[in-house]
Amino acid sequence: MTVRKAWIVGGAVVAGGLSFVMVLVVAVYLVAGNLVGGMAASGRALAKGAVPAAYQQLVAKWGNLCPALTPALLAAQLYQESGWNPRVVSPADARGIAQFIPSTWATHGIDGNGDGKRDIWDPNDAIPSAASYDCELAKYVKDVPGNVSDNMLAAYNAGAYRVIQAGGVPGISETQNYVQRINSLAESFAAPPSRLDPTRQAAGAIDFAQKKLGTPYLWGGEGTAAQGGRFDCSGLTQAAYASVGIKLPRVANDQYNAGPHPSRSQLLPGDLVFFSHDPTDSRAIHHVGIYVGGGYMIDAPRTGAVIRFDPIDGADYFGATRVTEDGAKALPTAV
């Protein structure tokens, strides 16, 4: 990880910091208990850097191809299918960033960039083709009762005939889970509403992290006994949220997609804060910490340092994620 300017915390400051964090922990519980019914993200605008810069314009343009589709839904599908990898091949021979199988590509692939070729490996064709296919499915199920976007996603997973026959999302657990997963994941790609509710698990995650203050950093550390209970940055955040029942991916740039993204002014204790080598691309994230308020986080910064309080404001500050149970569950197991 890139070495950032350290904030050295003396014993008295640490003691004061712990009291500060405990106040925040209580405050998070109180706020979480009093805020209900947060606004839903529209999904028409993309969150900062959530889509890699190379694909952002494509997703923003083609995600508006029809009313049933949004850029955030399209981004969620692409991330779920390939993790933005344009060269990946699945065991079922699904290919490219949109994971088309060749037979489906033959009938639904389009020449998105107008170069006279339909290339399954080219995101400039594959992303428009994914949007076009979604919107074709939406037309097939437009008269089916229920939410047209949900029915479109269900048709993508189970086929339009099953959705029409069932009169909505069919009672197939795989399809129901797919619809829920994509909708939850889409919240990570959509620009957030003006207010985001805190999560009830935030205080517990902070409590876990503060108990690790002073623990030496270990690259690849996940806090196991064999590792002497040491962590690296994403190992600490993963363990902190695991302590409250939320399973996060191991890598920081995948943890970024575990929920919606509050702005700097909307940060609450328990939010994950991220730092990136590229201010336009979440895939370039190299560091993560747990926000505790007052412009500070608890993090495991680098080899030779200990878990400590650090300021979040710096040139490489990228953004934040409000971790949610549904958001974490929606993440693909391998991206």
C-alpha atoms as a PDB file:
ATOM      1  CA  MET A   1       0.000   0.000   0.000  1.00  0.00           C
ATOM      2  CA  THR A   2       1.084   3.573  -0.605  1.00  0.00           C
ATOM      3  CA  VAL A   3       2.570   5.113   2.504  1.00  0.00           C
ATOM      4  CA  ARG A   4       0.561   8.123   3.606  1.00  0.00           C
ATOM      5  CA  LYS A   5       1.576  10.691   6.160  1.00  0.00           C
ATOM      6  CA  ALA A   6       1.066   9.117   9.574  1.00  0.00           C
ATOM      7  CA  TRP A   7      -0.813  10.655  12.435  1.00  0.00           C
ATOM      8  CA  ILE A   8       1.046   9.590  15.586  1.00  0.00           C
ATOM      9  CA  VAL A   9      -1.336   9.108  18.465  1.00  0.00           C
ATOM     10  CA  GLY A  10       0.050   9.382  21.972  1.00  0.00           C
ATOM     11  CA  GLY A  11      -1.361   7.469  24.905  1.00  0.00           C
ATOM     12  CA  ALA A  12      -3.431  10.350  26.199  1.00  0.00           C
ATOM     13  CA  VAL A  13      -4.895  10.979  22.766  1.00  0.00           C
ATOM     14  CA  VAL A  14      -5.714   7.302  22.346  1.00  0.00           C
ATOM     15  CA  ALA A  15      -7.499   7.280  25.671  1.00  0.00           C
ATOM     16  CA  GLY A  16      -9.449  10.342  24.681  1.00  0.00           C
ATOM     17  CA  GLY A  17     -10.114   8.823  21.281  1.00  0.00           C
ATOM     18  CA  LEU A  18     -11.563   5.684  22.822  1.00  0.00           C
ATOM     19  CA  SER A  19     -14.005   7.743  24.851  1.00  0.00           C
ATOM     20  CA  PHE A  20     -14.873   9.661  21.710  1.00  0.00           C
ATOM     21  CA  VAL A  21     -15.544   6.447  19.818  1.00  0.00           C
ATOM     22  CA  MET A  22     -17.733   5.069  22.593  1.00  0.00           C
ATOM     23  CA  VAL A  23     -19.875   8.204  22.391  1.00  0.00           C
ATOM     24  CA  LEU A  24     -20.110   7.674  18.658  1.00  0.00           C
ATOM     25  CA  VAL A  25     -21.099   4.047  19.130  1.00  0.00           C
ATOM     26  CA  VAL A  26     -24.005   5.087  21.321  1.00  0.00           C
ATOM     27  CA  ALA A  27     -24.903   7.857  18.890  1.00  0.00           C
ATOM     28  CA  VAL A  28     -25.023   5.457  15.971  1.00  0.00           C
ATOM     29  CA  TYR A  29     -27.470   3.220  17.822  1.00  0.00           C
ATOM     30  CA  LEU A  30     -29.667   6.189  18.703  1.00  0.00           C
ATOM     31  CA  VAL A  31     -29.651   7.538  15.164  1.00  0.00           C
ATOM     32  CA  ALA A  32     -30.316   4.100  13.703  1.00  0.00           C
ATOM     33  CA  GLY A  33     -33.264   3.696  16.011  1.00  0.00           C
ATOM     34  CA  ASN A  34     -34.798   7.008  15.031  1.00  0.00           C
ATOM     35  CA  LEU A  35     -34.270   7.090  11.269  1.00  0.00           C
ATOM     36  CA  VAL A  36     -36.560   4.912   9.203  1.00  0.00           C
ATOM     37  CA  GLY A  37     -37.732   4.769   5.643  1.00  0.00           C
ATOM     38  CA  GLY A  38     -34.702   6.212   3.828  1.00  0.00           C
ATOM     39  CA  MET A  39     -35.117   7.417   0.268  1.00  0.00           C
ATOM     40  CA  ALA A  40     -34.491   4.941  -2.508  1.00  0.00           C
ATOM     41  CA  ALA A  41     -31.854   5.700  -5.108  1.00  0.00           C
ATOM     42  CA  SER A  42     -33.256   6.375  -8.556  1.00  0.00           C
ATOM     43  CA  GLY A  43     -30.398   4.616 -10.330  1.00  0.00           C
ATOM     44  CA  ARG A  44     -30.370   7.128 -13.219  1.00  0.00           C
ATOM     45  CA  ALA A  45     -27.087   8.728 -12.109  1.00  0.00           C
ATOM     46  CA  LEU A  46     -24.032   6.622 -11.327  1.00  0.00           C
ATOM     47  CA  ALA A  47     -22.105   6.912  -8.075  1.00  0.00           C
ATOM     48  CA  LYS A  48     -18.642   8.407  -8.283  1.00  0.00           C
ATOM     49  CA  GLY A  49     -16.106   5.911  -9.596  1.00  0.00           C
ATOM     50  CA  ALA A  50     -18.331   2.880  -9.028  1.00  0.00           C
ATOM     51  CA  VAL A  51     -18.097   1.967 -12.696  1.00  0.00           C
ATOM     52  CA  PRO A  52     -14.523   1.837 -14.046  1.00  0.00           C
ATOM     53  CA  ALA A  53     -13.726   4.926 -16.082  1.00  0.00           C
ATOM     54  CA  ALA A  54     -13.261   2.888 -19.269  1.00  0.00           C
ATOM     55  CA  TYR A  55     -16.912   1.800 -19.164  1.00  0.00           C
ATOM     56  CA  GLN A  56     -18.677   4.648 -17.375  1.00  0.00           C
ATOM     57  CA  GLN A  57     -19.906   6.474 -20.483  1.00  0.00           C
ATOM     58  CA  LEU A  58     -21.091   3.230 -22.081  1.00  0.00           C
ATOM     59  CA  VAL A  59     -23.049   2.222 -18.970  1.00  0.00           C
ATOM     60  CA  ALA A  60     -24.501   5.710 -18.496  1.00  0.00           C
ATOM     61  CA  LYS A  61     -25.625   5.895 -22.132  1.00  0.00           C
ATOM     62  CA  TRP A  62     -26.944   2.375 -22.677  1.00  0.00           C
ATOM     63  CA  GLY A  63     -28.405   2.093 -19.182  1.00  0.00           C
ATOM     64  CA  ASN A  64     -31.001   4.617 -20.311  1.00  0.00           C
ATOM     65  CA  LEU A  65     -32.008   2.621 -23.389  1.00  0.00           C
ATOM     66  CA  CYS A  66     -35.511   1.885 -22.035  1.00  0.00           C
ATOM     67  CA  PRO A  67     -37.577   2.887 -18.983  1.00  0.00           C
ATOM     68  CA  ALA A  68     -37.212  -0.540 -17.334  1.00  0.00           C
ATOM     69  CA  LEU A  69     -33.427  -0.286 -17.290  1.00  0.00           C
ATOM     70  CA  THR A  70     -31.183   2.117 -15.384  1.00  0.00           C
ATOM     71  CA  PRO A  71     -27.432   2.627 -15.540  1.00  0.00           C
ATOM     72  CA  ALA A  72     -27.181   1.240 -12.004  1.00  0.00           C
ATOM     73  CA  LEU A  73     -29.089  -1.934 -12.900  1.00  0.00           C
ATOM     74  CA  LEU A  74     -26.930  -2.434 -15.989  1.00  0.00           C
ATOM     75  CA  ALA A  75     -23.776  -1.863 -13.933  1.00  0.00           C
ATOM     76  CA  ALA A  76     -24.958  -4.341 -11.307  1.00  0.00           C
ATOM     77  CA  GLN A  77     -25.530  -7.011 -13.944  1.00  0.00           C
ATOM     78  CA  LEU A  78     -22.126  -6.485 -15.546  1.00  0.00           C
ATOM     79  CA  TYR A  79     -20.350  -6.535 -12.192  1.00  0.00           C
ATOM     80  CA  GLN A  80     -22.258  -9.648 -11.154  1.00  0.00           C
ATOM     81  CA  GLU A  81     -21.496 -11.412 -14.420  1.00  0.00           C
ATOM     82  CA  SER A  82     -17.826 -10.564 -14.926  1.00  0.00           C
ATOM     83  CA  GLY A  83     -16.470  -8.177 -12.310  1.00  0.00           C
ATOM     84  CA  TRP A  84     -15.692  -5.825 -15.249  1.00  0.00           C
ATOM     85  CA  ASN A  85     -13.314  -8.376 -16.781  1.00  0.00           C
ATOM     86  CA  PRO A  86     -13.736  -8.262 -20.598  1.00  0.00           C
ATOM     87  CA  ARG A  87     -11.752 -11.486 -21.144  1.00  0.00           C
ATOM     88  CA  VAL A  88     -13.384 -13.825 -18.640  1.00  0.00           C
ATOM     89  CA  VAL A  89     -14.875 -17.164 -19.743  1.00  0.00           C
ATOM     90  CA  SER A  90     -17.247 -19.095 -17.489  1.00  0.00           C
ATOM     91  CA  PRO A  91     -17.441 -22.894 -17.144  1.00  0.00           C
ATOM     92  CA  ALA A  92     -20.621 -22.662 -19.272  1.00  0.00           C
ATOM     93  CA  ASP A  93     -18.634 -20.875 -22.017  1.00  0.00           C
ATOM     94  CA  ALA A  94     -20.225 -17.486 -21.285  1.00  0.00           C
ATOM     95  CA  ARG A  95     -17.817 -14.921 -22.646  1.00  0.00           C
ATOM     96  CA  GLY A  96     -16.668 -11.393 -22.034  1.00  0.00           C
ATOM     97  CA  ILE A  97     -17.743  -8.525 -19.833  1.00  0.00           C
ATOM     98  CA  ALA A  98     -21.469  -9.258 -20.339  1.00  0.00           C
ATOM     99  CA  GLN A  99     -21.075 -13.060 -20.221  1.00  0.00           C
ATOM    100  CA  PHE A 100     -23.023 -13.935 -23.351  1.00  0.00           C
ATOM    101  CA  ILE A 101     -22.980 -17.539 -24.450  1.00  0.00           C
ATOM    102  CA  PRO A 102     -22.243 -17.761 -28.197  1.00  0.00           C
ATOM    103  CA  SER A 103     -25.742 -18.927 -29.160  1.00  0.00           C
ATOM    104  CA  THR A 104     -27.374 -15.985 -27.358  1.00  0.00           C
ATOM    105  CA  TRP A 105     -24.830 -13.609 -28.831  1.00  0.00           C
ATOM    106  CA  ALA A 106     -25.652 -14.860 -32.318  1.00  0.00           C
ATOM    107  CA  THR A 107     -29.244 -13.653 -31.954  1.00  0.00           C
ATOM    108  CA  HIS A 108     -28.908 -10.722 -29.548  1.00  0.00           C
ATOM    109  CA  GLY A 109     -25.410  -9.301 -30.009  1.00  0.00           C
ATOM    110  CA  ILE A 110     -25.332  -5.872 -31.659  1.00  0.00           C
ATOM    111  CA  ASP A 111     -22.668  -3.676 -33.239  1.00  0.00           C
ATOM    112  CA  GLY A 112     -22.634  -1.103 -30.466  1.00  0.00           C
ATOM    113  CA  ASN A 113     -19.770   1.027 -31.756  1.00  0.00           C
ATOM    114  CA  GLY A 114     -20.737   0.920 -35.414  1.00  0.00           C
ATOM    115  CA  ASP A 115     -17.459  -0.528 -36.684  1.00  0.00           C
ATOM    116  CA  GLY A 116     -19.197  -3.175 -38.762  1.00  0.00           C
ATOM    117  CA  LYS A 117     -18.423  -6.042 -36.372  1.00  0.00           C
ATOM    118  CA  ARG A 118     -20.281  -7.699 -33.492  1.00  0.00           C
ATOM    119  CA  ASP A 119     -17.455  -8.706 -31.158  1.00  0.00           C
ATOM    120  CA  ILE A 120     -18.445 -10.618 -28.033  1.00  0.00           C
ATOM    121  CA  TRP A 121     -15.104  -9.685 -26.444  1.00  0.00           C
ATOM    122  CA  ASP A 122     -15.364  -5.952 -27.099  1.00  0.00           C
ATOM    123  CA  PRO A 123     -17.105  -4.041 -24.276  1.00  0.00           C
ATOM    124  CA  ASN A 124     -18.118  -1.419 -26.861  1.00  0.00           C
ATOM    125  CA  ASP A 125     -20.349  -4.100 -28.382  1.00  0.00           C
ATOM    126  CA  ALA A 126     -21.036  -6.307 -25.358  1.00  0.00           C
ATOM    127  CA  ILE A 127     -22.306  -3.598 -23.004  1.00  0.00           C
ATOM    128  CA  PRO A 128     -24.766  -2.162 -25.561  1.00  0.00           C
ATOM    129  CA  SER A 129     -25.830  -5.732 -26.353  1.00  0.00           C
ATOM    130  CA  ALA A 130     -26.543  -6.444 -22.693  1.00  0.00           C
ATOM    131  CA  ALA A 131     -28.696  -3.309 -22.487  1.00  0.00           C
ATOM    132  CA  SER A 132     -30.453  -4.150 -25.745  1.00  0.00           C
ATOM    133  CA  TYR A 133     -31.188  -7.676 -24.568  1.00  0.00           C
ATOM    134  CA  ASP A 134     -32.573  -6.396 -21.249  1.00  0.00           C
ATOM    135  CA  CYS A 135     -34.882  -4.005 -23.073  1.00  0.00           C
ATOM    136  CA  GLU A 136     -36.061  -6.725 -25.461  1.00  0.00           C
ATOM    137  CA  LEU A 137     -37.008  -8.816 -22.442  1.00  0.00           C
ATOM    138  CA  ALA A 138     -38.782  -5.812 -20.897  1.00  0.00           C
ATOM    139  CA  LYS A 139     -40.949  -5.565 -24.032  1.00  0.00           C
ATOM    140  CA  TYR A 140     -41.855  -9.233 -23.786  1.00  0.00           C
ATOM    141  CA  VAL A 141     -43.054  -8.875 -20.176  1.00  0.00           C
ATOM    142  CA  LYS A 142     -44.448  -5.312 -20.310  1.00  0.00           C
ATOM    143  CA  ASP A 143     -48.042  -6.473 -19.757  1.00  0.00           C
ATOM    144  CA  VAL A 144     -47.186  -8.772 -16.855  1.00  0.00           C
ATOM    145  CA  PRO A 145     -48.407  -7.505 -13.456  1.00  0.00           C
ATOM    146  CA  GLY A 146     -45.831  -6.137 -11.037  1.00  0.00           C
ATOM    147  CA  ASN A 147     -42.662  -4.100 -11.343  1.00  0.00           C
ATOM    148  CA  VAL A 148     -41.477  -4.075 -14.953  1.00  0.00           C
ATOM    149  CA  SER A 149     -37.788  -3.899 -13.985  1.00  0.00           C
ATOM    150  CA  ASP A 150     -38.161  -6.877 -11.639  1.00  0.00           C
ATOM    151  CA  ASN A 151     -39.976  -8.804 -14.355  1.00  0.00           C
ATOM    152  CA  MET A 152     -37.235  -7.882 -16.833  1.00  0.00           C
ATOM    153  CA  LEU A 153     -34.540  -9.199 -14.472  1.00  0.00           C
ATOM    154  CA  ALA A 154     -36.565 -12.346 -13.844  1.00  0.00           C
ATOM    155  CA  ALA A 155     -36.892 -12.880 -17.595  1.00  0.00           C
ATOM    156  CA  TYR A 156     -33.137 -12.470 -17.946  1.00  0.00           C
ATOM    157  CA  ASN A 157     -32.626 -15.249 -15.400  1.00  0.00           C
ATOM    158  CA  ALA A 158     -35.513 -17.626 -16.073  1.00  0.00           C
ATOM    159  CA  GLY A 159     -36.824 -16.652 -19.500  1.00  0.00           C
ATOM    160  CA  ALA A 160     -39.710 -14.407 -20.526  1.00  0.00           C
ATOM    161  CA  TYR A 161     -42.142 -17.306 -20.934  1.00  0.00           C
ATOM    162  CA  ARG A 162     -41.841 -18.309 -17.286  1.00  0.00           C
ATOM    163  CA  VAL A 163     -42.442 -14.727 -16.164  1.00  0.00           C
ATOM    164  CA  ILE A 164     -45.534 -14.447 -18.380  1.00  0.00           C
ATOM    165  CA  GLN A 165     -46.793 -17.840 -17.240  1.00  0.00           C
ATOM    166  CA  ALA A 166     -46.293 -16.957 -13.552  1.00  0.00           C
ATOM    167  CA  GLY A 167     -47.822 -13.489 -13.880  1.00  0.00           C
ATOM    168  CA  GLY A 168     -44.693 -11.912 -12.411  1.00  0.00           C
ATOM    169  CA  VAL A 169     -41.427 -13.046 -10.882  1.00  0.00           C
ATOM    170  CA  PRO A 170     -41.800 -16.842 -10.824  1.00  0.00           C
ATOM    171  CA  GLY A 171     -41.541 -18.801  -7.594  1.00  0.00           C
ATOM    172  CA  ILE A 172     -38.081 -20.093  -8.409  1.00  0.00           C
ATOM    173  CA  SER A 173     -35.616 -19.425  -5.617  1.00  0.00           C
ATOM    174  CA  GLU A 174     -32.715 -18.838  -7.995  1.00  0.00           C
ATOM    175  CA  THR A 175     -34.716 -16.260  -9.954  1.00  0.00           C
ATOM    176  CA  GLN A 176     -36.100 -14.533  -6.871  1.00  0.00           C
ATOM    177  CA  ASN A 177     -32.603 -14.330  -5.386  1.00  0.00           C
ATOM    178  CA  TYR A 178     -31.227 -12.985  -8.661  1.00  0.00           C
ATOM    179  CA  VAL A 179     -33.793 -10.172  -8.799  1.00  0.00           C
ATOM    180  CA  GLN A 180     -33.135  -9.231  -5.170  1.00  0.00           C
ATOM    181  CA  ARG A 181     -29.369  -9.459  -5.614  1.00  0.00           C
ATOM    182  CA  ILE A 182     -29.248  -7.213  -8.688  1.00  0.00           C
ATOM    183  CA  ASN A 183     -31.583  -4.651  -7.124  1.00  0.00           C
ATOM    184  CA  SER A 184     -29.471  -4.561  -3.949  1.00  0.00           C
ATOM    185  CA  LEU A 185     -26.217  -4.392  -5.867  1.00  0.00           C
ATOM    186  CA  ALA A 186     -27.607  -1.596  -8.040  1.00  0.00           C
ATOM    187  CA  GLU A 187     -27.748   0.628  -4.946  1.00  0.00           C
ATOM    188  CA  SER A 188     -23.956   0.484  -4.862  1.00  0.00           C
ATOM    189  CA  PHE A 189     -23.743   1.821  -8.421  1.00  0.00           C
ATOM    190  CA  ALA A 190     -26.427   4.501  -8.128  1.00  0.00           C
ATOM    191  CA  ALA A 191     -25.727   8.026  -6.946  1.00  0.00           C
ATOM    192  CA  PRO A 192     -27.128   8.140  -3.404  1.00  0.00           C
ATOM    193  CA  PRO A 193     -30.226  10.054  -2.351  1.00  0.00           C
ATOM    194  CA  SER A 194     -29.936  13.141  -0.177  1.00  0.00           C
ATOM    195  CA  ARG A 195     -30.126  10.984   2.960  1.00  0.00           C
ATOM    196  CA  LEU A 196     -28.890   7.494   3.741  1.00  0.00           C
ATOM    197  CA  ASP A 197     -30.008   5.705   6.856  1.00  0.00           C
ATOM    198  CA  PRO A 198     -27.357   4.350   9.224  1.00  0.00           C
ATOM    199  CA  THR A 199     -27.131   0.615   9.756  1.00  0.00           C
ATOM    200  CA  ARG A 200     -27.621  -1.017  13.126  1.00  0.00           C
ATOM    201  CA  GLN A 201     -24.403  -3.009  12.744  1.00  0.00           C
ATOM    202  CA  ALA A 202     -22.159   0.080  12.452  1.00  0.00           C
ATOM    203  CA  ALA A 203     -21.603   0.467  16.188  1.00  0.00           C
ATOM    204  CA  GLY A 204     -20.556  -3.158  16.573  1.00  0.00           C
ATOM    205  CA  ALA A 205     -18.062  -2.858  13.739  1.00  0.00           C
ATOM    206  CA  ILE A 206     -16.513   0.206  15.380  1.00  0.00           C
ATOM    207  CA  ASP A 207     -16.398  -1.579  18.726  1.00  0.00           C
ATOM    208  CA  PHE A 208     -14.487  -4.474  17.151  1.00  0.00           C
ATOM    209  CA  ALA A 209     -12.009  -2.162  15.421  1.00  0.00           C
ATOM    210  CA  GLN A 210     -11.303  -0.044  18.490  1.00  0.00           C
ATOM    211  CA  LYS A 211     -10.423  -3.178  20.468  1.00  0.00           C
ATOM    212  CA  LYS A 212      -7.669  -3.824  17.918  1.00  0.00           C
ATOM    213  CA  LEU A 213      -6.000  -0.411  18.343  1.00  0.00           C
ATOM    214  CA  GLY A 214      -2.260  -0.862  18.798  1.00  0.00           C
ATOM    215  CA  THR A 215      -2.167  -4.243  17.011  1.00  0.00           C
ATOM    216  CA  PRO A 216       0.771  -4.462  14.558  1.00  0.00           C
ATOM    217  CA  TYR A 217      -0.052  -4.470  10.859  1.00  0.00           C
ATOM    218  CA  LEU A 218       0.445  -7.626   8.803  1.00  0.00           C
ATOM    219  CA  TRP A 219       0.146  -7.729   4.999  1.00  0.00           C
ATOM    220  CA  GLY A 220      -2.528 -10.339   4.231  1.00  0.00           C
ATOM    221  CA  GLY A 221      -3.493 -10.481   7.899  1.00  0.00           C
ATOM    222  CA  GLU A 222      -6.976 -11.678   8.794  1.00  0.00           C
ATOM    223  CA  GLY A 223      -6.544 -11.776  12.552  1.00  0.00           C
ATOM    224  CA  THR A 224      -6.016 -15.530  12.855  1.00  0.00           C
ATOM    225  CA  ALA A 225      -4.156 -17.074  15.780  1.00  0.00           C
ATOM    226  CA  ALA A 226      -1.399 -18.195  13.408  1.00  0.00           C
ATOM    227  CA  GLN A 227      -0.987 -14.552  12.364  1.00  0.00           C
ATOM    228  CA  GLY A 228      -0.832 -13.332  15.939  1.00  0.00           C
ATOM    229  CA  GLY A 229      -4.224 -11.632  15.615  1.00  0.00           C
ATOM    230  CA  ARG A 230      -2.795  -9.110  13.132  1.00  0.00           C
ATOM    231  CA  PHE A 231      -4.563  -7.531  10.167  1.00  0.00           C
ATOM    232  CA  ASP A 232      -4.049  -5.579   6.996  1.00  0.00           C
ATOM    233  CA  CYS A 233      -6.515  -2.834   6.068  1.00  0.00           C
ATOM    234  CA  SER A 234      -9.221  -4.876   4.371  1.00  0.00           C
ATOM    235  CA  GLY A 235      -8.683  -7.801   6.729  1.00  0.00           C
ATOM    236  CA  LEU A 236      -9.585  -5.487   9.618  1.00  0.00           C
ATOM    237  CA  THR A 237     -12.721  -4.115   7.961  1.00  0.00           C
ATOM    238  CA  GLN A 238     -13.785  -7.596   6.892  1.00  0.00           C
ATOM    239  CA  ALA A 239     -13.374  -8.918  10.440  1.00  0.00           C
ATOM    240  CA  ALA A 240     -15.103  -5.891  11.981  1.00  0.00           C
ATOM    241  CA  TYR A 241     -18.239  -6.448   9.937  1.00  0.00           C
ATOM    242  CA  ALA A 242     -18.023 -10.228  10.291  1.00  0.00           C
ATOM    243  CA  SER A 243     -18.292  -9.649  14.040  1.00  0.00           C
ATOM    244  CA  VAL A 244     -21.799  -8.254  13.464  1.00  0.00           C
ATOM    245  CA  GLY A 245     -22.854 -10.910  10.978  1.00  0.00           C
ATOM    246  CA  ILE A 246     -22.033  -9.203   7.662  1.00  0.00           C
ATOM    247  CA  LYS A 247     -19.720 -11.057   5.305  1.00  0.00           C
ATOM    248  CA  LEU A 248     -17.593  -8.733   3.176  1.00  0.00           C
ATOM    249  CA  PRO A 249     -15.229  -9.655   0.353  1.00  0.00           C
ATOM    250  CA  ARG A 250     -11.567  -9.880   1.261  1.00  0.00           C
ATOM    251  CA  VAL A 251     -10.309  -7.155  -1.098  1.00  0.00           C
ATOM    252  CA  ALA A 252     -10.865  -3.445  -0.477  1.00  0.00           C
ATOM    253  CA  ASN A 253     -12.011  -2.575  -3.991  1.00  0.00           C
ATOM    254  CA  ASP A 254     -14.734  -5.209  -3.775  1.00  0.00           C
ATOM    255  CA  GLN A 255     -15.795  -4.022  -0.314  1.00  0.00           C
ATOM    256  CA  TYR A 256     -16.602  -0.690  -1.974  1.00  0.00           C
ATOM    257  CA  ASN A 257     -19.663  -2.317  -3.564  1.00  0.00           C
ATOM    258  CA  ALA A 258     -21.208  -3.503  -0.282  1.00  0.00           C
ATOM    259  CA  GLY A 259     -23.780  -0.704  -0.104  1.00  0.00           C
ATOM    260  CA  PRO A 260     -24.631   2.853  -1.185  1.00  0.00           C
ATOM    261  CA  HIS A 261     -22.073   5.647  -1.161  1.00  0.00           C
ATOM    262  CA  PRO A 262     -22.589   8.633   1.124  1.00  0.00           C
ATOM    263  CA  SER A 263     -20.884  11.895   0.251  1.00  0.00           C
ATOM    264  CA  ARG A 264     -18.163  13.331   2.449  1.00  0.00           C
ATOM    265  CA  SER A 265     -20.728  15.511   4.234  1.00  0.00           C
ATOM    266  CA  GLN A 266     -23.040  12.513   4.823  1.00  0.00           C
ATOM    267  CA  LEU A 267     -20.473  10.272   6.552  1.00  0.00           C
ATOM    268  CA  LEU A 268     -21.558   8.470   9.703  1.00  0.00           C
ATOM    269  CA  PRO A 269     -19.546   6.326  12.114  1.00  0.00           C
ATOM    270  CA  GLY A 270     -19.232   2.809  10.746  1.00  0.00           C
ATOM    271  CA  ASP A 271     -18.990   3.839   7.095  1.00  0.00           C
ATOM    272  CA  LEU A 272     -16.056   2.350   5.229  1.00  0.00           C
ATOM    273  CA  VAL A 273     -13.787   4.995   3.711  1.00  0.00           C
ATOM    274  CA  PHE A 274     -11.609   4.247   0.693  1.00  0.00           C
ATOM    275  CA  PHE A 275      -8.458   5.560  -0.927  1.00  0.00           C
ATOM    276  CA  SER A 276      -7.534   5.052  -4.560  1.00  0.00           C
ATOM    277  CA  HIS A 277      -4.627   5.591  -6.943  1.00  0.00           C
ATOM    278  CA  ASP A 278      -7.207   6.672  -9.557  1.00  0.00           C
ATOM    279  CA  PRO A 279      -9.932   9.123  -8.490  1.00  0.00           C
ATOM    280  CA  THR A 280     -12.247   7.835 -11.245  1.00  0.00           C
ATOM    281  CA  ASP A 281     -11.976   4.082 -10.681  1.00  0.00           C
ATOM    282  CA  SER A 282     -12.978   1.978  -7.679  1.00  0.00           C
ATOM    283  CA  ARG A 283     -10.902  -0.901  -9.066  1.00  0.00           C
ATOM    284  CA  ALA A 284      -7.784   1.149  -8.219  1.00  0.00           C
ATOM    285  CA  ILE A 285      -8.667   1.365  -4.500  1.00  0.00           C
ATOM    286  CA  HIS A 286      -5.650   0.492  -2.369  1.00  0.00           C
ATOM    287  CA  HIS A 287      -6.729   1.236   1.217  1.00  0.00           C
ATOM    288  CA  VAL A 288      -9.807   1.137   3.454  1.00  0.00           C
ATOM    289  CA  GLY A 289     -10.651   2.159   7.009  1.00  0.00           C
ATOM    290  CA  ILE A 290     -13.681   2.461   9.323  1.00  0.00           C
ATOM    291  CA  TYR A 291     -14.921   5.996   9.840  1.00  0.00           C
ATOM    292  CA  VAL A 292     -15.404   7.018  13.486  1.00  0.00           C
ATOM    293  CA  GLY A 293     -16.362  10.678  13.095  1.00  0.00           C
ATOM    294  CA  GLY A 294     -14.602  14.004  13.311  1.00  0.00           C
ATOM    295  CA  GLY A 295     -12.689  13.367  10.101  1.00  0.00           C
ATOM    296  CA  TYR A 296     -10.934  10.251  11.456  1.00  0.00           C
ATOM    297  CA  MET A 297     -10.965   6.535  10.839  1.00  0.00           C
ATOM    298  CA  ILE A 298      -9.572   3.415  12.475  1.00  0.00           C
ATOM    299  CA  ASP A 299      -7.318   1.638  10.009  1.00  0.00           C
ATOM    300  CA  ALA A 300      -4.408  -0.752   9.611  1.00  0.00           C
ATOM    301  CA  PRO A 301      -2.159   1.537   7.553  1.00  0.00           C
ATOM    302  CA  ARG A 302       1.047  -0.227   6.515  1.00  0.00           C
ATOM    303  CA  THR A 303       3.907  -2.539   7.409  1.00  0.00           C
ATOM    304  CA  GLY A 304       5.730  -1.258  10.483  1.00  0.00           C
ATOM    305  CA  ALA A 305       2.686   0.591  11.815  1.00  0.00           C
ATOM    306  CA  VAL A 306      -0.121  -0.410  14.156  1.00  0.00           C
ATOM    307  CA  ILE A 307      -3.902  -0.192  13.932  1.00  0.00           C
ATOM    308  CA  ARG A 308      -4.641   3.398  14.884  1.00  0.00           C
ATOM    309  CA  PHE A 309      -6.673   6.552  14.271  1.00  0.00           C
ATOM    310  CA  ASP A 310      -5.835   8.332  11.013  1.00  0.00           C
ATOM    311  CA  PRO A 311      -7.371  11.365   9.287  1.00  0.00           C
ATOM    312  CA  ILE A 312      -9.379  10.555   6.185  1.00  0.00           C
ATOM    313  CA  ASP A 313      -8.769  13.781   4.287  1.00  0.00           C
ATOM    314  CA  GLY A 314      -5.994  13.421   1.774  1.00  0.00           C
ATOM    315  CA  ALA A 315      -5.256  13.591  -1.922  1.00  0.00           C
ATOM    316  CA  ASP A 316      -6.100   9.910  -2.447  1.00  0.00           C
ATOM    317  CA  TYR A 317      -9.447   9.930  -0.597  1.00  0.00           C
ATOM    318  CA  PHE A 318     -11.885   8.221  -2.967  1.00  0.00           C
ATOM    319  CA  GLY A 319     -15.233   7.862  -1.219  1.00  0.00           C
ATOM    320  CA  ALA A 320     -17.232   5.842   1.256  1.00  0.00           C
ATOM    321  CA  THR A 321     -19.671   2.962   1.526  1.00  0.00           C
ATOM    322  CA  ARG A 322     -22.479   2.491   4.019  1.00  0.00           C
ATOM    323  CA  VAL A 323     -22.306  -1.262   4.424  1.00  0.00           C
ATOM    324  CA  THR A 324     -25.684  -2.998   4.373  1.00  0.00           C
ATOM    325  CA  GLU A 325     -26.630  -6.632   4.869  1.00  0.00           C
ATOM    326  CA  ASP A 326     -28.386  -6.811   1.501  1.00  0.00           C
ATOM    327  CA  GLY A 327     -25.536  -5.007  -0.230  1.00  0.00           C
ATOM    328  CA  ALA A 328     -22.944  -7.427   1.137  1.00  0.00           C
ATOM    329  CA  LYS A 329     -25.066 -10.479   0.314  1.00  0.00           C
ATOM    330  CA  ALA A 330     -25.521  -9.242  -3.255  1.00  0.00           C
ATOM    331  CA  LEU A 331     -21.804  -9.230  -4.009  1.00  0.00           C
ATOM    332  CA  PRO A 332     -20.619 -12.032  -6.281  1.00  0.00           C
ATOM    333  CA  THR A 333     -18.324 -14.557  -4.643  1.00  0.00           C
ATOM    334  CA  ALA A 334     -15.630 -13.999  -7.288  1.00  0.00           C
ATOM    335  CA  VAL A 335     -15.152 -10.829  -9.329  1.00  0.00           C
END
